[in-house]
Structure formats: structure tokens, C-alpha cells
Amino acid sequence: MQPSLIEQLNAVLRKTGHFLGYAILSALVLLALRNTNRDRLCKLLRRPWGVRLHDSWRWEWALLGIFLTAYTAALDEFHQTCIPSRTGRWQDVVLDTCGAVAMQVAIYLLSVRASRSGKSPAGTEVRSAETRAPLPPG
């Protein structure tokens, strides 16, 4: 193989890894926020959780996921400027943030699809107030 082909393949794989890694981080932030709200609000609702779009995806969760991902990417690139063998690039922060945005759009589309079909999106449990077990004291 030619060295230039190997360098190009290496660059593509590294950038794809950045994109996907930060997309996953953004999804994990959204899932953490969604599950925290589910656990907190499920006992207050008089309807099953997860059957409405608002239960599985909200603007504030998505924006927080994107913001935290961009912030983490910026901190990582800043850290790389302190290492002599590495360089920090603002283009990588933009790429990482694009991964976060793409993931939030994908989660939104899957949530819309699930809410229209009446099914709960993956990771949420649909339980009515009558079927919930009481919470342990303390």
C-alpha cells in the first residue's frame, strides 16, 4: 500500500471516531436527562410514561447534550495544545459538535416515529399509575 493512502485512511478513521464518539456522548447526556426526569415525574403523572414525544425528547435536553458535548470537545482540544506532540484545532470541535447535532436529530426522529406509532422508545418503560410498585421508604 502507498503511504499516502494509509495516511488518508488514518485521517478518515480518526475523524469518524471523533464524530461518533462525541455523538454517543451527546446521546448519553440526553438519555441521562430523560431517565432522571422519568424517575422523578413518573410517580406524579396520571398517565403512562413514554407514550408522548415530550416524555422521550425535549429541546432543553437536546440543547444541553449538544452544549456539554461542544464544551467537552473544546476542553479536549485545549488540553491537546498543552501537549508538545499534539495540536488543538477548532475544526475538530466543530466536527465533534456536528456529531452531537446529528445524534440529537436521529434521536428526535426516532422519538417522533415511536410516539406516532404509540410505542415507547427504547430505554423507557411504559407503566401506568395503577401498575407501579410503591417506592421503598427513605
C-alpha atoms as a PDB file:
ATOM      1  CA  MET A   1       0.000   0.000   0.000  1.00  0.00           C
ATOM      2  CA  GLN A   2       1.092   3.517  -0.667  1.00  0.00           C
ATOM      3  CA  PRO A   3       1.924   5.686   2.356  1.00  0.00           C
ATOM      4  CA  SER A   4      -0.412   8.445   1.147  1.00  0.00           C
ATOM      5  CA  LEU A   5      -3.357   6.024   1.068  1.00  0.00           C
ATOM      6  CA  ILE A   6      -2.562   4.861   4.594  1.00  0.00           C
ATOM      7  CA  GLU A   7      -2.375   8.476   5.804  1.00  0.00           C
ATOM      8  CA  GLN A   8      -5.723   9.296   4.199  1.00  0.00           C
ATOM      9  CA  LEU A   9      -7.344   6.191   5.675  1.00  0.00           C
ATOM     10  CA  ASN A  10      -5.896   7.053   9.081  1.00  0.00           C
ATOM     11  CA  ALA A  11      -7.296  10.601   8.869  1.00  0.00           C
ATOM     12  CA  VAL A  12     -10.751   9.395   7.832  1.00  0.00           C
ATOM     13  CA  LEU A  13     -10.873   6.825  10.621  1.00  0.00           C
ATOM     14  CA  ARG A  14      -9.722   9.336  13.237  1.00  0.00           C
ATOM     15  CA  LYS A  15     -12.291  11.935  12.177  1.00  0.00           C
ATOM     16  CA  THR A  16     -15.047   9.314  12.029  1.00  0.00           C
ATOM     17  CA  GLY A  17     -14.096   8.201  15.512  1.00  0.00           C
ATOM     18  CA  HIS A  18     -14.306  11.784  16.771  1.00  0.00           C
ATOM     19  CA  PHE A  19     -17.696  12.272  15.126  1.00  0.00           C
ATOM     20  CA  LEU A  20     -19.161   9.040  16.501  1.00  0.00           C
ATOM     21  CA  GLY A  21     -17.586   9.327  19.940  1.00  0.00           C
ATOM     22  CA  TYR A  22     -18.988  12.763  20.607  1.00  0.00           C
ATOM     23  CA  ALA A  23     -22.333  11.757  19.063  1.00  0.00           C
ATOM     24  CA  ILE A  24     -22.519   8.968  21.629  1.00  0.00           C
ATOM     25  CA  LEU A  25     -21.625  11.390  24.416  1.00  0.00           C
ATOM     26  CA  SER A  26     -24.479  13.660  23.349  1.00  0.00           C
ATOM     27  CA  ALA A  27     -26.902  10.723  23.294  1.00  0.00           C
ATOM     28  CA  LEU A  28     -25.804   9.636  26.762  1.00  0.00           C
ATOM     29  CA  VAL A  29     -26.457  13.121  28.143  1.00  0.00           C
ATOM     30  CA  LEU A  30     -29.961  13.107  26.639  1.00  0.00           C
ATOM     31  CA  LEU A  31     -30.665   9.613  27.959  1.00  0.00           C
ATOM     32  CA  ALA A  32     -29.463  10.560  31.431  1.00  0.00           C
ATOM     33  CA  LEU A  33     -31.729  13.610  31.478  1.00  0.00           C
ATOM     34  CA  ARG A  34     -34.676  11.625  30.139  1.00  0.00           C
ATOM     35  CA  ASN A  35     -34.285   8.816  32.662  1.00  0.00           C
ATOM     36  CA  THR A  36     -33.783  11.225  35.548  1.00  0.00           C
ATOM     37  CA  ASN A  37     -36.998  13.028  34.631  1.00  0.00           C
ATOM     38  CA  ARG A  38     -38.814   9.729  34.156  1.00  0.00           C
ATOM     39  CA  ASP A  39     -37.833   8.534  37.620  1.00  0.00           C
ATOM     40  CA  ARG A  40     -38.765  11.869  39.157  1.00  0.00           C
ATOM     41  CA  LEU A  41     -42.012  12.521  37.278  1.00  0.00           C
ATOM     42  CA  CYS A  42     -43.382   9.022  36.753  1.00  0.00           C
ATOM     43  CA  LYS A  43     -44.987   8.931  40.197  1.00  0.00           C
ATOM     44  CA  LEU A  44     -46.703  12.305  39.582  1.00  0.00           C
ATOM     45  CA  LEU A  45     -48.241  11.544  36.199  1.00  0.00           C
ATOM     46  CA  ARG A  46     -51.676  10.095  35.841  1.00  0.00           C
ATOM     47  CA  ARG A  47     -50.824   8.505  32.525  1.00  0.00           C
ATOM     48  CA  PRO A  48     -48.258   6.020  31.245  1.00  0.00           C
ATOM     49  CA  TRP A  49     -44.746   7.391  30.783  1.00  0.00           C
ATOM     50  CA  GLY A  50     -43.200   7.281  27.342  1.00  0.00           C
ATOM     51  CA  VAL A  51     -46.231   7.481  25.096  1.00  0.00           C
ATOM     52  CA  ARG A  52     -45.823  11.173  24.273  1.00  0.00           C
ATOM     53  CA  LEU A  53     -42.968  12.803  22.406  1.00  0.00           C
ATOM     54  CA  HIS A  54     -42.413  15.178  25.322  1.00  0.00           C
ATOM     55  CA  ASP A  55     -41.546  12.165  27.510  1.00  0.00           C
ATOM     56  CA  SER A  56     -38.746  10.933  25.282  1.00  0.00           C
ATOM     57  CA  TRP A  57     -37.268  14.065  23.677  1.00  0.00           C
ATOM     58  CA  ARG A  58     -37.242  17.719  24.702  1.00  0.00           C
ATOM     59  CA  TRP A  59     -35.439  20.725  23.267  1.00  0.00           C
ATOM     60  CA  GLU A  60     -33.764  21.537  26.560  1.00  0.00           C
ATOM     61  CA  TRP A  61     -32.355  18.011  26.881  1.00  0.00           C
ATOM     62  CA  ALA A  62     -31.046  18.060  23.318  1.00  0.00           C
ATOM     63  CA  LEU A  63     -29.511  21.512  23.634  1.00  0.00           C
ATOM     64  CA  LEU A  64     -27.859  20.602  26.915  1.00  0.00           C
ATOM     65  CA  GLY A  65     -26.467  17.453  25.315  1.00  0.00           C
ATOM     66  CA  ILE A  66     -25.072  19.460  22.402  1.00  0.00           C
ATOM     67  CA  PHE A  67     -23.691  22.182  24.663  1.00  0.00           C
ATOM     68  CA  LEU A  68     -21.964  19.740  27.018  1.00  0.00           C
ATOM     69  CA  THR A  69     -20.517  17.850  24.067  1.00  0.00           C
ATOM     70  CA  ALA A  70     -19.155  21.036  22.477  1.00  0.00           C
ATOM     71  CA  TYR A  71     -17.735  22.136  25.834  1.00  0.00           C
ATOM     72  CA  THR A  72     -16.044  18.767  26.346  1.00  0.00           C
ATOM     73  CA  ALA A  73     -14.649  18.858  22.802  1.00  0.00           C
ATOM     74  CA  ALA A  74     -13.290  22.377  23.346  1.00  0.00           C
ATOM     75  CA  LEU A  75     -11.654  21.340  26.620  1.00  0.00           C
ATOM     76  CA  ASP A  76     -10.112  18.322  24.904  1.00  0.00           C
ATOM     77  CA  GLU A  77      -8.692  20.450  22.096  1.00  0.00           C
ATOM     78  CA  PHE A  78      -7.375  22.994  24.591  1.00  0.00           C
ATOM     79  CA  HIS A  79      -5.716  20.164  26.505  1.00  0.00           C
ATOM     80  CA  GLN A  80      -4.093  18.983  23.277  1.00  0.00           C
ATOM     81  CA  THR A  81      -2.469  22.399  22.804  1.00  0.00           C
ATOM     82  CA  CYS A  82      -0.608  21.803  26.085  1.00  0.00           C
ATOM     83  CA  ILE A  83       0.934  18.574  24.800  1.00  0.00           C
ATOM     84  CA  PRO A  84       4.023  19.162  22.604  1.00  0.00           C
ATOM     85  CA  SER A  85       3.284  16.265  20.239  1.00  0.00           C
ATOM     86  CA  ARG A  86      -0.370  17.260  19.676  1.00  0.00           C
ATOM     87  CA  THR A  87      -2.213  20.210  18.227  1.00  0.00           C
ATOM     88  CA  GLY A  88      -5.621  21.534  19.180  1.00  0.00           C
ATOM     89  CA  ARG A  89      -7.834  22.552  16.271  1.00  0.00           C
ATOM     90  CA  TRP A  90     -11.121  24.416  16.321  1.00  0.00           C
ATOM     91  CA  GLN A  91     -12.170  22.355  13.286  1.00  0.00           C
ATOM     92  CA  ASP A  92     -12.215  19.259  15.486  1.00  0.00           C
ATOM     93  CA  VAL A  93     -14.553  20.999  17.926  1.00  0.00           C
ATOM     94  CA  VAL A  94     -16.885  21.804  15.026  1.00  0.00           C
ATOM     95  CA  LEU A  95     -16.726  18.184  13.812  1.00  0.00           C
ATOM     96  CA  ASP A  96     -17.475  16.863  17.296  1.00  0.00           C
ATOM     97  CA  THR A  97     -20.384  19.270  17.709  1.00  0.00           C
ATOM     98  CA  CYS A  98     -21.757  18.185  14.318  1.00  0.00           C
ATOM     99  CA  GLY A  99     -21.701  14.604  15.594  1.00  0.00           C
ATOM    100  CA  ALA A 100     -23.708  15.696  18.631  1.00  0.00           C
ATOM    101  CA  VAL A 101     -26.247  17.551  16.483  1.00  0.00           C
ATOM    102  CA  ALA A 102     -26.606  14.603  14.095  1.00  0.00           C
ATOM    103  CA  MET A 103     -27.251  12.255  17.002  1.00  0.00           C
ATOM    104  CA  GLN A 104     -29.860  14.578  18.524  1.00  0.00           C
ATOM    105  CA  VAL A 105     -31.658  14.789  15.169  1.00  0.00           C
ATOM    106  CA  ALA A 106     -31.618  10.986  14.888  1.00  0.00           C
ATOM    107  CA  ILE A 107     -32.983  10.590  18.418  1.00  0.00           C
ATOM    108  CA  TYR A 108     -35.679  13.175  17.684  1.00  0.00           C
ATOM    109  CA  LEU A 109     -36.766  11.373  14.510  1.00  0.00           C
ATOM    110  CA  LEU A 110     -36.861   8.019  16.299  1.00  0.00           C
ATOM    111  CA  SER A 111     -38.858   9.564  19.151  1.00  0.00           C
ATOM    112  CA  VAL A 112     -41.384  11.113  16.748  1.00  0.00           C
ATOM    113  CA  ARG A 113     -41.761   7.796  14.989  1.00  0.00           C
ATOM    114  CA  ALA A 114     -42.264   5.949  18.279  1.00  0.00           C
ATOM    115  CA  SER A 115     -44.781   8.477  19.600  1.00  0.00           C
ATOM    116  CA  ARG A 116     -46.822   8.308  16.392  1.00  0.00           C
ATOM    117  CA  SER A 117     -46.924   4.531  16.492  1.00  0.00           C
ATOM    118  CA  GLY A 118     -47.957   4.574  20.151  1.00  0.00           C
ATOM    119  CA  LYS A 119     -44.907   2.599  21.235  1.00  0.00           C
ATOM    120  CA  SER A 120     -42.422   3.607  23.859  1.00  0.00           C
ATOM    121  CA  PRO A 121     -38.972   4.479  22.520  1.00  0.00           C
ATOM    122  CA  ALA A 122     -36.144   2.166  23.538  1.00  0.00           C
ATOM    123  CA  GLY A 123     -34.942   2.679  27.065  1.00  0.00           C
ATOM    124  CA  THR A 124     -38.182   3.953  28.566  1.00  0.00           C
ATOM    125  CA  GLU A 125     -40.664   1.899  30.473  1.00  0.00           C
ATOM    126  CA  VAL A 126     -44.362   2.479  29.967  1.00  0.00           C
ATOM    127  CA  ARG A 127     -46.142   1.984  33.264  1.00  0.00           C
ATOM    128  CA  SER A 128     -49.474   3.262  34.425  1.00  0.00           C
ATOM    129  CA  ALA A 129     -50.060   4.667  37.885  1.00  0.00           C
ATOM    130  CA  GLU A 130     -52.018   1.538  38.859  1.00  0.00           C
ATOM    131  CA  THR A 131     -49.227  -0.919  37.953  1.00  0.00           C
ATOM    132  CA  ARG A 132     -46.370   0.899  39.617  1.00  0.00           C
ATOM    133  CA  ALA A 133     -44.974  -0.662  42.737  1.00  0.00           C
ATOM    134  CA  PRO A 134     -44.715   1.715  45.680  1.00  0.00           C
ATOM    135  CA  LEU A 135     -41.309   3.228  46.273  1.00  0.00           C
ATOM    136  CA  PRO A 136     -39.376   1.969  49.294  1.00  0.00           C
ATOM    137  CA  PRO A 137     -39.163   4.433  52.202  1.00  0.00           C
ATOM    138  CA  GLY A 138     -36.115   6.628  52.573  1.00  0.00           C
END
